[in-house]
């Protein structure tokens, strides 16, 4: 799963977490984008047998 997180208290960042079929967590949170360059929002994830793909919208003042 992936989500946007404000744990830095300055910017939204993206984190992920692998989850087993029974709902238990696998490992720790994964920092996906913590660049602190404005906001990373609306994350989504796709997965296959051997790989994960995470995409998101990168919001800046130029998007206004």
Protein backbone atom coordinates (compact mmCIF):
# COMPACT_ATOMS: atom_id res chain seq x y z
CA UNK A 1 0.00 0.00 0.00
CA UNK A 2 1.11 3.62 -0.46
CA UNK A 3 0.06 6.88 1.22
CA UNK A 4 0.97 10.51 1.63
CA UNK A 5 2.32 11.35 5.06
CA UNK A 6 3.02 14.63 6.89
CA UNK A 7 5.42 13.13 9.46
CA UNK A 8 8.13 15.66 8.48
CA UNK A 9 5.84 18.52 9.64
CA UNK A 10 6.97 20.57 6.62
CA UNK A 11 5.85 18.74 3.46
CA UNK A 12 3.77 15.80 2.34
CA UNK A 13 5.93 12.80 1.49
CA UNK A 14 5.15 9.35 0.15
CA UNK A 15 5.59 6.09 2.02
CA UNK A 16 4.68 2.50 1.32
CA UNK A 17 4.26 -0.72 3.23
CA UNK A 18 4.25 -4.30 2.03
CA UNK A 19 1.28 -6.27 3.39
CA UNK A 20 0.84 -10.04 3.39
CA UNK A 21 -2.35 -11.72 2.19
CA UNK A 22 -3.46 -12.20 5.81
CA UNK A 23 -3.09 -8.44 6.50
CA UNK A 24 0.13 -8.67 8.50
CA UNK A 25 2.87 -6.15 7.74
CA UNK A 26 6.03 -7.26 5.94
CA UNK A 27 9.07 -5.27 7.07
CA UNK A 28 9.06 -1.55 7.81
CA UNK A 29 7.57 1.49 6.05
CA UNK A 30 9.33 2.27 2.79
CA UNK A 31 10.21 5.91 2.02
CA UNK A 32 9.21 6.39 -1.64
CA UNK A 33 9.64 10.16 -2.11
CA UNK A 34 10.83 12.38 0.73
CA UNK A 35 12.46 15.11 -1.36
CA UNK A 36 10.53 17.83 0.45
CA UNK A 37 9.88 19.67 -2.80
CA UNK A 38 6.37 20.88 -2.14
CA UNK A 39 3.73 18.15 -2.17
CA UNK A 40 3.59 14.62 -3.49
CA UNK A 41 -0.08 13.65 -3.59
CA UNK A 42 -2.55 11.02 -4.81
CA UNK A 43 -0.24 7.99 -4.78
CA UNK A 44 -1.27 4.72 -6.36
CA UNK A 45 0.45 1.37 -6.65
CA UNK A 46 0.37 -1.49 -9.15
CA UNK A 47 2.12 -4.79 -8.64
CA UNK A 48 3.06 -7.95 -10.43
CA UNK A 49 4.71 -11.18 -9.37
CA UNK A 50 8.17 -9.63 -8.99
CA UNK A 51 7.80 -5.84 -9.01
CA UNK A 52 5.87 -2.83 -7.76
CA UNK A 53 5.17 0.44 -9.57
CA UNK A 54 4.23 3.57 -7.62
CA UNK A 55 2.93 6.69 -9.36
CA UNK A 56 1.81 10.02 -7.90
CA UNK A 57 1.00 13.61 -8.69
CA UNK A 58 3.81 16.04 -7.88
CA UNK A 59 2.17 19.34 -6.94
CA UNK A 60 4.12 22.60 -7.27
CA UNK A 61 3.17 26.26 -7.56
CA UNK A 62 3.40 25.79 -11.35
CA UNK A 63 0.32 23.51 -11.17
CA UNK A 64 -1.90 26.40 -10.06
